[in-house]
Amino acid sequence: MLKVSENPPIIWPEAESISDYEGEWWVAHTKSRNEKALAHDLIRRRISYFLPMSWKVRRKSRRTTRSLLPLFGGYLFCCGQEENRTELMRTDRVANLIEVADQQKLIKELVQIEQALRAGAPLIPHKYVKAGQKCAVKAGPLLGLQGVVARISGATRLVLQVDMLGQAASVEIDVDMIETLD
């Protein structure tokens, strides 16, 4: 675990906004637990990046530990020219480099996260479940139920189908109680 002072900055180099960075954006899917080490490598190579992180507090017995963890485990957002992309792959910390087809959409989404972090908002990772995705309940009294996720009036619901009748019923469910099925 790194000391607070040893953590890489969330945004490098410091800028008014990540939308000011010049170049093309890529998403580096890092090898396991290599996000911060890759960020340090990118600083040495002078490659711009965005690594959203948040504090996680753990209490065990009488000790309390605080760790700065990546918001999106296994991912780091990089911006640069084609030669920077090659340098990125030479770090031996990247498992896969994801090309971004819609640059403006990614920048718009990342700027929202950046704005929340700069405002000091306590962001926590959240499961991304799309409407229409098949899921199963992993805990609670509905454990084991399987259905399709629907969003109705802002609430997440699990739709339970009876195909033979062509009928269905739904129950409101917390996103943290379900897991996606392949």
N, C-alpha and C. Protein backbone atom coordinates (compact mmCIF):
# COMPACT_ATOMS: atom_id res chain seq x y z
N MET A 1 0.85 -1.17 0.00
CA MET A 1 0.00 0.00 0.00
C MET A 1 0.90 1.24 0.00
N LEU A 2 0.58 2.18 -0.86
CA LEU A 2 1.37 3.40 -1.00
C LEU A 2 1.00 4.42 0.07
N LYS A 3 2.00 5.22 0.46
CA LYS A 3 1.72 6.37 1.31
C LYS A 3 0.96 7.38 0.47
N VAL A 4 0.23 8.26 1.12
CA VAL A 4 -0.56 9.26 0.40
C VAL A 4 0.31 10.04 -0.57
N SER A 5 1.51 10.42 -0.14
CA SER A 5 2.41 11.23 -0.98
C SER A 5 2.97 10.45 -2.17
N GLU A 6 2.92 9.12 -2.13
CA GLU A 6 3.47 8.29 -3.21
C GLU A 6 2.46 8.01 -4.32
N ASN A 7 1.20 8.36 -4.09
CA ASN A 7 0.18 8.13 -5.11
C ASN A 7 0.40 9.07 -6.29
N PRO A 8 0.14 8.60 -7.50
CA PRO A 8 0.25 9.50 -8.66
C PRO A 8 -0.91 10.49 -8.65
N PRO A 9 -0.74 11.65 -9.31
CA PRO A 9 -1.87 12.58 -9.39
C PRO A 9 -3.00 11.96 -10.23
N ILE A 10 -4.21 12.39 -9.99
CA ILE A 10 -5.36 11.89 -10.74
C ILE A 10 -5.28 12.35 -12.19
N ILE A 11 -4.80 13.58 -12.39
CA ILE A 11 -4.69 14.16 -13.73
C ILE A 11 -3.25 14.60 -13.92
N TRP A 12 -2.64 14.19 -15.05
CA TRP A 12 -1.29 14.65 -15.34
C TRP A 12 -1.17 14.96 -16.82
N PRO A 13 -0.56 16.04 -17.24
CA PRO A 13 -0.13 17.15 -16.39
C PRO A 13 -1.34 17.95 -15.92
N GLU A 14 -1.13 18.70 -14.85
CA GLU A 14 -2.22 19.51 -14.29
C GLU A 14 -2.73 20.46 -15.37
N ALA A 15 -4.03 20.52 -15.53
CA ALA A 15 -4.65 21.38 -16.55
C ALA A 15 -5.96 21.91 -15.98
N GLU A 16 -6.48 22.91 -16.65
CA GLU A 16 -7.78 23.46 -16.27
C GLU A 16 -8.83 22.36 -16.34
N SER A 17 -8.73 21.54 -17.41
CA SER A 17 -9.64 20.42 -17.62
C SER A 17 -8.97 19.42 -18.55
N ILE A 18 -9.34 18.17 -18.44
CA ILE A 18 -8.77 17.17 -19.34
C ILE A 18 -9.22 17.40 -20.77
N SER A 19 -10.27 18.17 -20.96
CA SER A 19 -10.74 18.47 -22.32
C SER A 19 -9.74 19.37 -23.05
N ASP A 20 -8.78 19.98 -22.30
CA ASP A 20 -7.75 20.82 -22.92
C ASP A 20 -6.59 20.02 -23.49
N TYR A 21 -6.50 18.73 -23.17
CA TYR A 21 -5.38 17.91 -23.66
C TYR A 21 -5.44 17.79 -25.18
N GLU A 22 -4.27 17.81 -25.80
CA GLU A 22 -4.16 17.67 -27.25
C GLU A 22 -3.88 16.21 -27.58
N GLY A 23 -4.50 15.72 -28.64
CA GLY A 23 -4.23 14.36 -29.10
C GLY A 23 -5.45 13.48 -29.05
N GLU A 24 -5.18 12.22 -29.23
CA GLU A 24 -6.22 11.20 -29.27
C GLU A 24 -6.28 10.48 -27.93
N TRP A 25 -7.48 10.11 -27.50
CA TRP A 25 -7.66 9.38 -26.25
C TRP A 25 -7.69 7.88 -26.50
N TRP A 26 -7.09 7.12 -25.58
CA TRP A 26 -7.16 5.66 -25.56
C TRP A 26 -7.49 5.24 -24.15
N VAL A 27 -8.01 4.03 -24.02
CA VAL A 27 -8.27 3.46 -22.71
C VAL A 27 -7.31 2.30 -22.54
N ALA A 28 -6.43 2.42 -21.55
CA ALA A 28 -5.47 1.35 -21.27
C ALA A 28 -6.10 0.39 -20.28
N HIS A 29 -6.29 -0.85 -20.71
CA HIS A 29 -6.74 -1.91 -19.81
C HIS A 29 -5.45 -2.50 -19.23
N THR A 30 -5.21 -2.22 -17.96
CA THR A 30 -3.93 -2.57 -17.36
C THR A 30 -3.89 -4.02 -16.90
N LYS A 31 -2.68 -4.49 -16.70
CA LYS A 31 -2.51 -5.78 -16.04
C LYS A 31 -2.99 -5.59 -14.61
N SER A 32 -3.27 -6.67 -13.92
CA SER A 32 -3.85 -6.62 -12.59
C SER A 32 -3.08 -5.69 -11.65
N ARG A 33 -3.81 -4.75 -11.03
CA ARG A 33 -3.29 -3.83 -10.02
C ARG A 33 -2.07 -3.03 -10.49
N ASN A 34 -2.08 -2.59 -11.75
CA ASN A 34 -0.97 -1.82 -12.31
C ASN A 34 -1.35 -0.39 -12.68
N GLU A 35 -2.53 0.07 -12.28
CA GLU A 35 -3.00 1.38 -12.70
C GLU A 35 -2.07 2.50 -12.22
N LYS A 36 -1.73 2.50 -10.93
CA LYS A 36 -0.89 3.57 -10.38
C LYS A 36 0.54 3.49 -10.91
N ALA A 37 1.07 2.28 -11.03
CA ALA A 37 2.42 2.11 -11.56
C ALA A 37 2.49 2.60 -13.00
N LEU A 38 1.45 2.33 -13.78
CA LEU A 38 1.39 2.82 -15.16
C LEU A 38 1.33 4.34 -15.17
N ALA A 39 0.57 4.93 -14.25
CA ALA A 39 0.50 6.39 -14.17
C ALA A 39 1.89 6.98 -13.91
N HIS A 40 2.64 6.38 -12.99
CA HIS A 40 4.01 6.85 -12.73
C HIS A 40 4.88 6.72 -13.98
N ASP A 41 4.74 5.61 -14.69
CA ASP A 41 5.49 5.41 -15.95
C ASP A 41 5.14 6.48 -16.97
N LEU A 42 3.87 6.83 -17.06
CA LEU A 42 3.43 7.83 -18.03
C LEU A 42 3.97 9.22 -17.69
N ILE A 43 4.08 9.52 -16.41
CA ILE A 43 4.67 10.80 -16.01
C ILE A 43 6.12 10.86 -16.49
N ARG A 44 6.87 9.78 -16.26
CA ARG A 44 8.27 9.74 -16.71
C ARG A 44 8.39 9.86 -18.22
N ARG A 45 7.39 9.33 -18.95
CA ARG A 45 7.41 9.39 -20.42
C ARG A 45 6.71 10.64 -20.95
N ARG A 46 6.19 11.48 -20.04
CA ARG A 46 5.54 12.74 -20.39
C ARG A 46 4.30 12.52 -21.27
N ILE A 47 3.48 11.54 -20.89
CA ILE A 47 2.23 11.23 -21.59
C ILE A 47 1.07 11.62 -20.68
N SER A 48 0.13 12.39 -21.21
CA SER A 48 -1.03 12.85 -20.44
C SER A 48 -1.96 11.68 -20.10
N TYR A 49 -2.53 11.74 -18.90
CA TYR A 49 -3.47 10.69 -18.51
C TYR A 49 -4.51 11.22 -17.53
N PHE A 50 -5.55 10.42 -17.34
CA PHE A 50 -6.58 10.68 -16.34
C PHE A 50 -6.84 9.36 -15.63
N LEU A 51 -6.58 9.32 -14.33
CA LEU A 51 -6.81 8.13 -13.52
C LEU A 51 -7.73 8.51 -12.36
N PRO A 52 -9.06 8.43 -12.57
CA PRO A 52 -9.97 8.79 -11.49
C PRO A 52 -9.81 7.82 -10.31
N MET A 53 -9.64 8.39 -9.11
CA MET A 53 -9.48 7.57 -7.91
C MET A 53 -10.34 8.12 -6.79
N SER A 54 -10.66 7.26 -5.85
CA SER A 54 -11.42 7.69 -4.68
C SER A 54 -10.87 6.98 -3.44
N TRP A 55 -11.14 7.58 -2.29
CA TRP A 55 -10.66 7.02 -1.04
C TRP A 55 -11.56 5.89 -0.58
N LYS A 56 -10.94 4.83 -0.11
CA LYS A 56 -11.69 3.71 0.49
C LYS A 56 -11.18 3.56 1.92
N VAL A 57 -12.09 3.61 2.85
CA VAL A 57 -11.74 3.50 4.26
C VAL A 57 -12.14 2.11 4.74
N ARG A 58 -11.18 1.43 5.37
CA ARG A 58 -11.44 0.09 5.92
C ARG A 58 -11.17 0.12 7.41
N ARG A 59 -12.04 -0.52 8.16
CA ARG A 59 -11.83 -0.64 9.60
C ARG A 59 -11.68 -2.11 9.92
N LYS A 60 -10.56 -2.44 10.54
CA LYS A 60 -10.31 -3.83 10.92
C LYS A 60 -9.79 -3.81 12.35
N SER A 61 -10.50 -4.45 13.22
CA SER A 61 -10.19 -4.42 14.66
C SER A 61 -10.13 -2.97 15.12
N ARG A 62 -8.97 -2.53 15.55
CA ARG A 62 -8.83 -1.17 16.05
C ARG A 62 -8.16 -0.25 15.04
N ARG A 63 -7.81 -0.79 13.90
CA ARG A 63 -7.09 0.01 12.90
C ARG A 63 -8.02 0.49 11.80
N THR A 64 -7.76 1.70 11.35
CA THR A 64 -8.47 2.27 10.21
C THR A 64 -7.44 2.59 9.15
N THR A 65 -7.65 2.07 7.95
CA THR A 65 -6.73 2.36 6.86
C THR A 65 -7.49 3.07 5.74
N ARG A 66 -6.79 4.01 5.13
CA ARG A 66 -7.36 4.73 3.98
C ARG A 66 -6.49 4.44 2.77
N SER A 67 -7.13 4.05 1.69
CA SER A 67 -6.42 3.76 0.45
C SER A 67 -7.05 4.54 -0.68
N LEU A 68 -6.20 5.07 -1.54
CA LEU A 68 -6.68 5.75 -2.74
C LEU A 68 -6.73 4.71 -3.85
N LEU A 69 -7.92 4.35 -4.31
CA LEU A 69 -8.09 3.27 -5.28
C LEU A 69 -8.69 3.80 -6.58
N PRO A 70 -8.30 3.19 -7.71
CA PRO A 70 -8.89 3.59 -8.99
C PRO A 70 -10.41 3.40 -8.97
N LEU A 71 -11.10 4.37 -9.51
CA LEU A 71 -12.56 4.31 -9.57
C LEU A 71 -13.01 3.20 -10.53
N PHE A 72 -12.25 3.05 -11.62
CA PHE A 72 -12.53 2.00 -12.60
C PHE A 72 -11.35 1.05 -12.59
N GLY A 73 -11.40 0.05 -11.73
CA GLY A 73 -10.28 -0.89 -11.57
C GLY A 73 -9.85 -1.50 -12.89
N GLY A 74 -8.54 -1.40 -13.17
CA GLY A 74 -7.99 -2.01 -14.37
C GLY A 74 -7.96 -1.08 -15.57
N TYR A 75 -8.39 0.18 -15.41
CA TYR A 75 -8.44 1.09 -16.55
C TYR A 75 -7.79 2.43 -16.24
N LEU A 76 -7.11 2.98 -17.24
CA LEU A 76 -6.50 4.30 -17.16
C LEU A 76 -6.71 4.97 -18.51
N PHE A 77 -7.06 6.24 -18.52
CA PHE A 77 -7.36 6.97 -19.74
C PHE A 77 -6.14 7.79 -20.14
N CYS A 78 -5.67 7.62 -21.37
CA CYS A 78 -4.45 8.28 -21.85
C CYS A 78 -4.77 9.16 -23.05
N CYS A 79 -4.00 10.23 -23.20
CA CYS A 79 -4.19 11.14 -24.32
C CYS A 79 -2.83 11.49 -24.90
N GLY A 80 -2.71 11.40 -26.22
CA GLY A 80 -1.44 11.74 -26.85
C GLY A 80 -1.45 11.47 -28.34
N GLN A 81 -0.25 11.43 -28.88
CA GLN A 81 -0.04 11.19 -30.31
C GLN A 81 0.26 9.70 -30.53
N GLU A 82 0.39 9.31 -31.78
CA GLU A 82 0.63 7.90 -32.13
C GLU A 82 1.91 7.37 -31.48
N GLU A 83 2.97 8.19 -31.42
CA GLU A 83 4.23 7.72 -30.80
C GLU A 83 4.04 7.49 -29.29
N ASN A 84 3.12 8.23 -28.66
CA ASN A 84 2.82 8.01 -27.24
C ASN A 84 2.13 6.66 -27.05
N ARG A 85 1.34 6.29 -28.00
CA ARG A 85 0.64 5.00 -27.95
C ARG A 85 1.65 3.86 -27.94
N THR A 86 2.68 3.98 -28.77
CA THR A 86 3.73 2.97 -28.82
C THR A 86 4.48 2.91 -27.49
N GLU A 87 4.78 4.08 -26.93
CA GLU A 87 5.46 4.15 -25.63
C GLU A 87 4.61 3.50 -24.55
N LEU A 88 3.32 3.72 -24.61
CA LEU A 88 2.39 3.15 -23.65
C LEU A 88 2.48 1.62 -23.64
N MET A 89 2.54 1.05 -24.81
CA MET A 89 2.61 -0.42 -24.93
C MET A 89 3.96 -0.96 -24.45
N ARG A 90 5.00 -0.14 -24.50
CA ARG A 90 6.34 -0.57 -24.07
C ARG A 90 6.48 -0.63 -22.55
N THR A 91 5.52 -0.12 -21.81
CA THR A 91 5.62 -0.12 -20.35
C THR A 91 5.48 -1.52 -19.76
N ASP A 92 4.93 -2.45 -20.51
CA ASP A 92 4.68 -3.82 -20.05
C ASP A 92 3.68 -3.86 -18.89
N ARG A 93 2.86 -2.83 -18.80
CA ARG A 93 1.82 -2.79 -17.76
C ARG A 93 0.42 -2.81 -18.38
N VAL A 94 0.36 -2.78 -19.71
CA VAL A 94 -0.92 -2.71 -20.42
C VAL A 94 -1.26 -4.08 -20.99
N ALA A 95 -2.42 -4.59 -20.63
CA ALA A 95 -2.89 -5.87 -21.17
C ALA A 95 -3.52 -5.66 -22.55
N ASN A 96 -4.22 -4.53 -22.70
CA ASN A 96 -4.92 -4.25 -23.95
C ASN A 96 -5.14 -2.75 -24.05
N LEU A 97 -5.04 -2.23 -25.25
CA LEU A 97 -5.29 -0.81 -25.48
C LEU A 97 -6.58 -0.69 -26.28
N ILE A 98 -7.55 -0.01 -25.72
CA ILE A 98 -8.86 0.10 -26.34
C ILE A 98 -8.93 1.43 -27.09
N GLU A 99 -9.19 1.34 -28.40
CA GLU A 99 -9.32 2.55 -29.20
C GLU A 99 -10.70 3.15 -28.97
N VAL A 100 -10.75 4.46 -28.95
CA VAL A 100 -12.01 5.17 -28.68
C VAL A 100 -12.57 5.68 -30.01
N ALA A 101 -13.68 5.12 -30.44
CA ALA A 101 -14.29 5.52 -31.71
C ALA A 101 -14.90 6.91 -31.62
N ASP A 102 -15.62 7.19 -30.55
CA ASP A 102 -16.28 8.49 -30.38
C ASP A 102 -15.53 9.30 -29.32
N GLN A 103 -14.50 10.01 -29.75
CA GLN A 103 -13.64 10.78 -28.86
C GLN A 103 -14.44 11.81 -28.05
N GLN A 104 -15.33 12.55 -28.71
CA GLN A 104 -16.08 13.61 -28.04
C GLN A 104 -17.00 13.05 -26.94
N LYS A 105 -17.60 11.90 -27.18
CA LYS A 105 -18.47 11.29 -26.18
C LYS A 105 -17.66 10.88 -24.95
N LEU A 106 -16.49 10.26 -25.17
CA LEU A 106 -15.65 9.86 -24.04
C LEU A 106 -15.21 11.09 -23.25
N ILE A 107 -14.76 12.13 -23.93
CA ILE A 107 -14.30 13.34 -23.25
C ILE A 107 -15.44 13.94 -22.42
N LYS A 108 -16.63 13.98 -22.99
CA LYS A 108 -17.79 14.52 -22.28
C LYS A 108 -18.08 13.72 -21.01
N GLU A 109 -18.01 12.39 -21.11
CA GLU A 109 -18.26 11.54 -19.95
C GLU A 109 -17.16 11.68 -18.89
N LEU A 110 -15.90 11.75 -19.34
CA LEU A 110 -14.79 11.87 -18.40
C LEU A 110 -14.77 13.23 -17.72
N VAL A 111 -15.16 14.28 -18.44
CA VAL A 111 -15.19 15.62 -17.86
C VAL A 111 -16.19 15.67 -16.70
N GLN A 112 -17.29 14.94 -16.80
CA GLN A 112 -18.26 14.89 -15.70
C GLN A 112 -17.65 14.27 -14.45
N ILE A 113 -16.89 13.20 -14.65
CA ILE A 113 -16.23 12.54 -13.51
C ILE A 113 -15.16 13.46 -12.94
N GLU A 114 -14.41 14.11 -13.83
CA GLU A 114 -13.37 15.06 -13.40
C GLU A 114 -14.00 16.18 -12.56
N GLN A 115 -15.10 16.72 -13.03
CA GLN A 115 -15.77 17.82 -12.34
C GLN A 115 -16.21 17.39 -10.94
N ALA A 116 -16.76 16.19 -10.83
CA ALA A 116 -17.19 15.68 -9.53
C ALA A 116 -16.00 15.50 -8.59
N LEU A 117 -14.87 14.98 -9.11
CA LEU A 117 -13.68 14.79 -8.29
C LEU A 117 -13.11 16.13 -7.83
N ARG A 118 -13.05 17.11 -8.74
CA ARG A 118 -12.53 18.43 -8.38
C ARG A 118 -13.41 19.11 -7.33
N ALA A 119 -14.70 18.81 -7.35
CA ALA A 119 -15.63 19.39 -6.37
C ALA A 119 -15.55 18.68 -5.02
N GLY A 120 -14.77 17.58 -4.98
CA GLY A 120 -14.62 16.85 -3.73
C GLY A 120 -15.73 15.87 -3.45
N ALA A 121 -16.52 15.56 -4.46
CA ALA A 121 -17.62 14.61 -4.28
C ALA A 121 -17.06 13.21 -4.00
N PRO A 122 -17.61 12.51 -3.02
CA PRO A 122 -17.11 11.16 -2.70
C PRO A 122 -17.67 10.13 -3.67
N LEU A 123 -17.01 9.97 -4.80
CA LEU A 123 -17.46 8.99 -5.80
C LEU A 123 -17.10 7.58 -5.35
N ILE A 124 -18.00 6.66 -5.62
CA ILE A 124 -17.71 5.25 -5.35
C ILE A 124 -18.03 4.46 -6.62
N PRO A 125 -17.31 3.36 -6.85
CA PRO A 125 -17.62 2.54 -8.02
C PRO A 125 -19.05 2.02 -7.95
N HIS A 126 -19.69 1.94 -9.08
CA HIS A 126 -21.07 1.47 -9.13
C HIS A 126 -21.20 0.50 -10.29
N LYS A 127 -21.98 -0.53 -10.07
CA LYS A 127 -22.20 -1.53 -11.10
C LYS A 127 -22.98 -0.93 -12.26
N TYR A 128 -22.56 -1.24 -13.49
CA TYR A 128 -23.24 -0.73 -14.68
C TYR A 128 -24.11 -1.85 -15.23
N VAL A 129 -25.41 -1.68 -15.10
CA VAL A 129 -26.36 -2.68 -15.59
C VAL A 129 -27.28 -1.98 -16.58
N LYS A 130 -27.35 -2.51 -17.79
CA LYS A 130 -28.20 -1.93 -18.82
C LYS A 130 -29.58 -2.57 -18.79
N ALA A 131 -30.56 -1.76 -19.14
CA ALA A 131 -31.92 -2.30 -19.28
C ALA A 131 -31.88 -3.36 -20.37
N GLY A 132 -32.56 -4.46 -20.13
CA GLY A 132 -32.59 -5.55 -21.10
C GLY A 132 -31.55 -6.62 -20.83
N GLN A 133 -30.69 -6.40 -19.85
CA GLN A 133 -29.65 -7.37 -19.54
C GLN A 133 -30.19 -8.45 -18.61
N LYS A 134 -29.80 -9.70 -18.85
CA LYS A 134 -30.24 -10.81 -18.01
C LYS A 134 -29.38 -10.84 -16.75
N CYS A 135 -30.05 -10.89 -15.58
CA CYS A 135 -29.35 -10.83 -14.30
C CYS A 135 -29.93 -11.86 -13.33
N ALA A 136 -29.14 -12.10 -12.27
CA ALA A 136 -29.58 -12.99 -11.19
C ALA A 136 -29.37 -12.26 -9.87
N VAL A 137 -30.26 -12.53 -8.92
CA VAL A 137 -30.15 -11.93 -7.59
C VAL A 137 -29.09 -12.73 -6.83
N LYS A 138 -28.12 -12.02 -6.23
CA LYS A 138 -27.01 -12.70 -5.56
C LYS A 138 -27.09 -12.68 -4.04
N ALA A 139 -28.06 -11.96 -3.49
CA ALA A 139 -28.18 -11.91 -2.03
C ALA A 139 -29.59 -11.51 -1.63
N GLY A 140 -29.91 -11.75 -0.38
CA GLY A 140 -31.21 -11.34 0.14
C GLY A 140 -32.28 -12.39 -0.02
N PRO A 141 -33.52 -12.04 0.30
CA PRO A 141 -34.62 -13.01 0.25
C PRO A 141 -34.96 -13.48 -1.16
N LEU A 142 -34.54 -12.72 -2.17
CA LEU A 142 -34.84 -13.12 -3.56
C LEU A 142 -33.66 -13.86 -4.21
N LEU A 143 -32.70 -14.29 -3.40
CA LEU A 143 -31.52 -14.98 -3.89
C LEU A 143 -31.86 -16.07 -4.90
N GLY A 144 -31.18 -16.03 -6.05
CA GLY A 144 -31.36 -17.06 -7.06
C GLY A 144 -32.33 -16.70 -8.17
N LEU A 145 -33.20 -15.70 -7.95
CA LEU A 145 -34.13 -15.31 -9.00
C LEU A 145 -33.36 -14.80 -10.21
N GLN A 146 -33.86 -15.12 -11.40
CA GLN A 146 -33.24 -14.65 -12.64
C GLN A 146 -34.29 -13.95 -13.47
N GLY A 147 -33.87 -12.86 -14.09
CA GLY A 147 -34.79 -12.11 -14.92
C GLY A 147 -34.06 -11.09 -15.76
N VAL A 148 -34.84 -10.20 -16.35
CA VAL A 148 -34.29 -9.16 -17.22
C VAL A 148 -34.47 -7.83 -16.51
N VAL A 149 -33.42 -7.00 -16.56
CA VAL A 149 -33.46 -5.70 -15.89
C VAL A 149 -34.26 -4.71 -16.73
N ALA A 150 -35.09 -3.93 -16.03
CA ALA A 150 -35.86 -2.85 -16.67
C ALA A 150 -35.76 -1.62 -15.80
N ARG A 151 -35.83 -0.46 -16.42
CA ARG A 151 -35.86 0.81 -15.67
C ARG A 151 -37.26 1.40 -15.85
N ILE A 152 -37.97 1.53 -14.75
CA ILE A 152 -39.32 2.07 -14.80
C ILE A 152 -39.42 3.19 -13.77
N SER A 153 -39.76 4.38 -14.23
CA SER A 153 -39.88 5.57 -13.37
C SER A 153 -38.63 5.78 -12.52
N GLY A 154 -37.47 5.56 -13.11
CA GLY A 154 -36.21 5.78 -12.42
C GLY A 154 -35.79 4.65 -11.50
N ALA A 155 -36.61 3.66 -11.33
CA ALA A 155 -36.29 2.53 -10.45
C ALA A 155 -35.81 1.35 -11.28
N THR A 156 -34.93 0.56 -10.69
CA THR A 156 -34.46 -0.66 -11.35
C THR A 156 -35.36 -1.80 -10.92
N ARG A 157 -35.87 -2.52 -11.91
CA ARG A 157 -36.77 -3.63 -11.63
C ARG A 157 -36.26 -4.88 -12.31
N LEU A 158 -36.50 -6.02 -11.69
CA LEU A 158 -36.15 -7.31 -12.26
C LEU A 158 -37.45 -7.92 -12.78
N VAL A 159 -37.50 -8.13 -14.09
CA VAL A 159 -38.70 -8.67 -14.73
C VAL A 159 -38.60 -10.20 -14.75
N LEU A 160 -39.58 -10.85 -14.16
CA LEU A 160 -39.65 -12.31 -14.11
C LEU A 160 -40.69 -12.77 -15.12
N GLN A 161 -40.25 -13.56 -16.08
CA GLN A 161 -41.12 -13.93 -17.20
C GLN A 161 -41.65 -15.35 -17.08
N VAL A 162 -42.88 -15.53 -17.55
CA VAL A 162 -43.46 -16.86 -17.71
C VAL A 162 -43.74 -16.95 -19.21
N ASP A 163 -42.76 -17.49 -19.95
CA ASP A 163 -42.84 -17.52 -21.42
C ASP A 163 -44.07 -18.26 -21.93
N MET A 164 -44.43 -19.36 -21.29
CA MET A 164 -45.55 -20.17 -21.76
C MET A 164 -46.84 -19.36 -21.79
N LEU A 165 -46.99 -18.44 -20.83
CA LEU A 165 -48.19 -17.62 -20.78
C LEU A 165 -48.02 -16.30 -21.52
N GLY A 166 -46.76 -15.95 -21.85
CA GLY A 166 -46.51 -14.66 -22.46
C GLY A 166 -46.80 -13.54 -21.48
N GLN A 167 -46.53 -13.79 -20.21
CA GLN A 167 -46.79 -12.83 -19.14
C GLN A 167 -45.51 -12.62 -18.34
N ALA A 168 -45.49 -11.53 -17.58
CA ALA A 168 -44.33 -11.24 -16.74
C ALA A 168 -44.77 -10.42 -15.54
N ALA A 169 -43.95 -10.44 -14.53
CA ALA A 169 -44.14 -9.61 -13.34
C ALA A 169 -42.77 -9.03 -13.00
N SER A 170 -42.76 -7.90 -12.30
CA SER A 170 -41.46 -7.32 -11.96
C SER A 170 -41.42 -6.94 -10.50
N VAL A 171 -40.22 -6.89 -9.97
CA VAL A 171 -40.00 -6.51 -8.59
C VAL A 171 -38.88 -5.47 -8.56
N GLU A 172 -39.06 -4.43 -7.73
CA GLU A 172 -38.01 -3.43 -7.61
C GLU A 172 -36.84 -4.05 -6.86
N ILE A 173 -35.63 -3.75 -7.34
CA ILE A 173 -34.44 -4.35 -6.75
C ILE A 173 -33.29 -3.36 -6.74
N ASP A 174 -32.44 -3.47 -5.75
CA ASP A 174 -31.25 -2.63 -5.66
C ASP A 174 -30.20 -3.21 -6.61
N VAL A 175 -29.55 -2.36 -7.37
CA VAL A 175 -28.56 -2.81 -8.35
C VAL A 175 -27.44 -3.60 -7.68
N ASP A 176 -27.12 -3.29 -6.43
CA ASP A 176 -26.06 -4.01 -5.73
C ASP A 176 -26.45 -5.44 -5.38
N MET A 177 -27.72 -5.78 -5.50
CA MET A 177 -28.19 -7.13 -5.16
C MET A 177 -28.19 -8.07 -6.35
N ILE A 178 -27.85 -7.56 -7.55
CA ILE A 178 -27.89 -8.41 -8.73
C ILE A 178 -26.52 -8.50 -9.39
N GLU A 179 -26.36 -9.58 -10.16
CA GLU A 179 -25.16 -9.73 -10.97
C GLU A 179 -25.58 -10.13 -12.37
N THR A 180 -24.81 -9.69 -13.35
CA THR A 180 -25.17 -9.97 -14.73
C THR A 180 -24.84 -11.42 -15.07
N LEU A 181 -25.63 -11.99 -15.95
CA LEU A 181 -25.40 -13.35 -16.45
C LEU A 181 -24.88 -13.26 -17.88
N ASP A 182 -23.98 -14.13 -18.23
CA ASP A 182 -23.43 -14.12 -19.60
C ASP A 182 -24.37 -14.78 -20.58
